[in-house]
Structures are given as C-alpha cells and as structure tokens.
C-alpha cells in the first residue's frame, strides 16, 4: 500500500503510518508493504480512482 500525504502533514508521518497499520489490523487485514510519503505532484481524482464516473448530480463509485 502506498499512501501520499500533503506537505502540511509532514510532521505526522509516523502517526499516519502507525494509525493506518492499526486500522488495517482492526479490520483483520495484513499489510505486506506500507509506504507513507509526501505527495510531490498533485494527482487528479480520475487517476487515483479510475473507476469513479461523474454524473450530473452524483458520483457513481464502482468496485
């Protein structure tokens, strides 16, 4: 799993990593790999979530 965070949260990187591991563990999910790093370049929503399609009045999320 790769998580990017904004520059404003750089002081909280270890907290982010620790809390993600706790959340995954609480939900019986085992992480083999977890990378937490600052986002260098903004990512468009469509690139991050390619299965999200925008409609006129709503967003349809297909998993």
N, C-alpha and C. Protein backbone atom coordinates (compact mmCIF):
# COMPACT_ATOMS: atom_id res chain seq x y z
N UNK A 1 0.85 -1.16 0.00
CA UNK A 1 0.00 0.00 0.00
C UNK A 1 0.90 1.23 0.00
N UNK A 2 0.54 2.17 -0.84
CA UNK A 2 1.29 3.42 -0.93
C UNK A 2 0.35 4.57 -0.59
N UNK A 3 0.71 5.34 0.41
CA UNK A 3 -0.10 6.47 0.87
C UNK A 3 0.71 7.75 0.68
N UNK A 4 0.12 8.73 0.03
CA UNK A 4 0.73 10.05 -0.10
C UNK A 4 -0.05 11.02 0.77
N UNK A 5 0.67 11.94 1.39
CA UNK A 5 0.02 12.94 2.22
C UNK A 5 0.53 14.33 1.83
N UNK A 6 -0.24 15.38 2.13
CA UNK A 6 0.19 16.74 1.78
C UNK A 6 1.36 17.20 2.67
N UNK A 7 2.10 18.16 2.17
CA UNK A 7 3.27 18.69 2.89
C UNK A 7 2.94 19.15 4.31
N UNK A 8 1.72 19.67 4.49
CA UNK A 8 1.32 20.19 5.81
C UNK A 8 1.34 19.10 6.89
N UNK A 9 1.28 17.83 6.49
CA UNK A 9 1.25 16.74 7.47
C UNK A 9 2.61 16.06 7.65
N UNK A 10 3.67 16.66 7.14
CA UNK A 10 4.98 16.01 7.17
C UNK A 10 5.47 15.70 8.59
N UNK A 11 5.06 16.49 9.56
CA UNK A 11 5.48 16.23 10.95
C UNK A 11 4.75 15.03 11.55
N UNK A 12 3.72 14.55 10.88
CA UNK A 12 2.88 13.47 11.41
C UNK A 12 3.04 12.16 10.64
N UNK A 13 4.12 12.03 9.89
CA UNK A 13 4.30 10.84 9.05
C UNK A 13 4.26 9.55 9.87
N UNK A 14 4.95 9.51 10.99
CA UNK A 14 4.96 8.29 11.81
C UNK A 14 3.57 7.99 12.38
N UNK A 15 2.82 9.04 12.75
CA UNK A 15 1.45 8.84 13.24
C UNK A 15 0.56 8.28 12.14
N UNK A 16 0.71 8.79 10.94
CA UNK A 16 -0.08 8.32 9.81
C UNK A 16 0.20 6.83 9.58
N UNK A 17 1.48 6.48 9.53
CA UNK A 17 1.88 5.08 9.30
C UNK A 17 1.31 4.17 10.40
N UNK A 18 1.49 4.57 11.64
CA UNK A 18 1.04 3.76 12.78
C UNK A 18 -0.47 3.59 12.77
N UNK A 19 -1.20 4.66 12.51
CA UNK A 19 -2.66 4.58 12.54
C UNK A 19 -3.23 3.79 11.37
N UNK A 20 -2.59 3.84 10.22
CA UNK A 20 -3.04 3.01 9.10
C UNK A 20 -2.85 1.54 9.44
N UNK A 21 -1.71 1.21 10.04
CA UNK A 21 -1.48 -0.18 10.45
C UNK A 21 -2.53 -0.64 11.47
N UNK A 22 -2.87 0.23 12.43
CA UNK A 22 -3.88 -0.11 13.43
C UNK A 22 -5.24 -0.34 12.79
N UNK A 23 -5.62 0.55 11.87
CA UNK A 23 -6.92 0.42 11.18
C UNK A 23 -6.97 -0.90 10.40
N UNK A 24 -5.92 -1.20 9.68
CA UNK A 24 -5.89 -2.44 8.89
C UNK A 24 -5.95 -3.66 9.80
N UNK A 25 -5.20 -3.63 10.88
CA UNK A 25 -5.18 -4.74 11.83
C UNK A 25 -6.55 -4.95 12.48
N UNK A 26 -7.19 -3.85 12.87
CA UNK A 26 -8.52 -3.91 13.48
C UNK A 26 -9.55 -4.56 12.55
N UNK A 27 -9.31 -4.44 11.26
CA UNK A 27 -10.23 -4.99 10.26
C UNK A 27 -9.71 -6.30 9.67
N UNK A 28 -8.79 -6.94 10.41
CA UNK A 28 -8.22 -8.23 10.03
C UNK A 28 -7.58 -8.22 8.65
N UNK A 29 -6.91 -7.13 8.32
CA UNK A 29 -6.19 -7.02 7.06
C UNK A 29 -4.70 -6.92 7.36
N UNK A 30 -3.92 -7.74 6.70
CA UNK A 30 -2.48 -7.78 6.93
C UNK A 30 -1.76 -7.05 5.79
N UNK A 31 -0.95 -6.07 6.14
CA UNK A 31 -0.19 -5.32 5.14
C UNK A 31 1.18 -5.94 4.98
N UNK A 32 1.50 -6.32 3.77
CA UNK A 32 2.84 -6.83 3.49
C UNK A 32 3.81 -5.67 3.30
N UNK A 33 3.29 -4.58 2.71
CA UNK A 33 4.13 -3.42 2.41
C UNK A 33 3.32 -2.16 2.64
N UNK A 34 3.87 -1.20 3.36
CA UNK A 34 3.22 0.09 3.58
C UNK A 34 4.25 1.19 3.40
N UNK A 35 4.01 2.05 2.42
CA UNK A 35 4.88 3.21 2.19
C UNK A 35 4.05 4.46 2.43
N UNK A 36 4.58 5.34 3.25
CA UNK A 36 3.92 6.61 3.55
C UNK A 36 4.91 7.71 3.21
N UNK A 37 4.53 8.57 2.25
CA UNK A 37 5.46 9.61 1.83
C UNK A 37 4.71 10.86 1.38
N UNK A 38 5.46 11.96 1.34
CA UNK A 38 4.87 13.23 0.91
C UNK A 38 4.51 13.17 -0.56
N UNK A 39 3.41 13.81 -0.89
CA UNK A 39 2.98 13.89 -2.28
C UNK A 39 3.77 14.99 -2.98
N UNK A 40 4.51 14.64 -3.99
CA UNK A 40 5.33 15.61 -4.72
C UNK A 40 4.52 16.35 -5.78
N UNK A 41 3.66 15.62 -6.46
CA UNK A 41 2.86 16.17 -7.55
C UNK A 41 1.40 15.85 -7.28
N UNK A 42 0.51 16.82 -7.40
CA UNK A 42 -0.91 16.54 -7.20
C UNK A 42 -1.41 15.49 -8.19
N UNK A 43 -2.27 14.61 -7.71
CA UNK A 43 -2.85 13.56 -8.53
C UNK A 43 -4.32 13.88 -8.75
N UNK A 44 -4.76 13.81 -10.00
CA UNK A 44 -6.17 14.04 -10.29
C UNK A 44 -7.00 12.90 -9.73
N UNK A 45 -8.23 13.20 -9.33
CA UNK A 45 -9.12 12.19 -8.77
C UNK A 45 -9.31 11.04 -9.75
N UNK A 46 -9.46 11.33 -11.02
CA UNK A 46 -9.68 10.28 -12.02
C UNK A 46 -8.47 9.35 -12.14
N UNK A 47 -7.27 9.84 -11.86
CA UNK A 47 -6.08 8.99 -11.89
C UNK A 47 -5.99 8.13 -10.64
N UNK A 48 -6.36 8.69 -9.50
CA UNK A 48 -6.30 7.95 -8.24
C UNK A 48 -7.42 6.92 -8.14
N UNK A 49 -8.59 7.27 -8.67
CA UNK A 49 -9.76 6.39 -8.61
C UNK A 49 -10.34 6.24 -10.01
N UNK A 50 -9.73 5.39 -10.84
CA UNK A 50 -10.16 5.30 -12.25
C UNK A 50 -11.57 4.75 -12.44
N UNK A 51 -12.14 4.11 -11.43
CA UNK A 51 -13.48 3.54 -11.59
C UNK A 51 -14.58 4.46 -11.09
N UNK A 52 -14.27 5.70 -10.80
CA UNK A 52 -15.28 6.68 -10.40
C UNK A 52 -15.72 7.44 -11.65
N UNK A 53 -17.00 7.47 -11.86
CA UNK A 53 -17.55 8.18 -13.00
C UNK A 53 -18.45 9.30 -12.51
N UNK A 54 -18.23 10.50 -12.99
CA UNK A 54 -19.02 11.64 -12.56
C UNK A 54 -20.30 11.72 -13.39
N UNK A 55 -21.41 11.93 -12.71
CA UNK A 55 -22.69 12.13 -13.37
C UNK A 55 -23.14 13.55 -13.11
N UNK A 56 -24.29 13.91 -13.62
CA UNK A 56 -24.75 15.28 -13.45
C UNK A 56 -24.92 15.67 -11.99
N UNK A 57 -25.58 14.85 -11.20
CA UNK A 57 -25.90 15.21 -9.82
C UNK A 57 -25.27 14.30 -8.77
N UNK A 58 -24.47 13.34 -9.21
CA UNK A 58 -23.90 12.41 -8.24
C UNK A 58 -22.63 11.79 -8.80
N UNK A 59 -21.96 11.06 -7.95
CA UNK A 59 -20.77 10.32 -8.35
C UNK A 59 -21.07 8.85 -8.14
N UNK A 60 -20.84 8.04 -9.15
CA UNK A 60 -21.07 6.60 -9.07
C UNK A 60 -19.73 5.91 -8.85
N UNK A 61 -19.59 5.22 -7.74
CA UNK A 61 -18.36 4.51 -7.43
C UNK A 61 -18.60 3.03 -7.69
N UNK A 62 -17.83 2.45 -8.60
CA UNK A 62 -17.96 1.04 -8.92
C UNK A 62 -16.72 0.32 -8.42
N UNK A 63 -16.93 -0.74 -7.64
CA UNK A 63 -15.80 -1.51 -7.11
C UNK A 63 -15.87 -2.91 -7.69
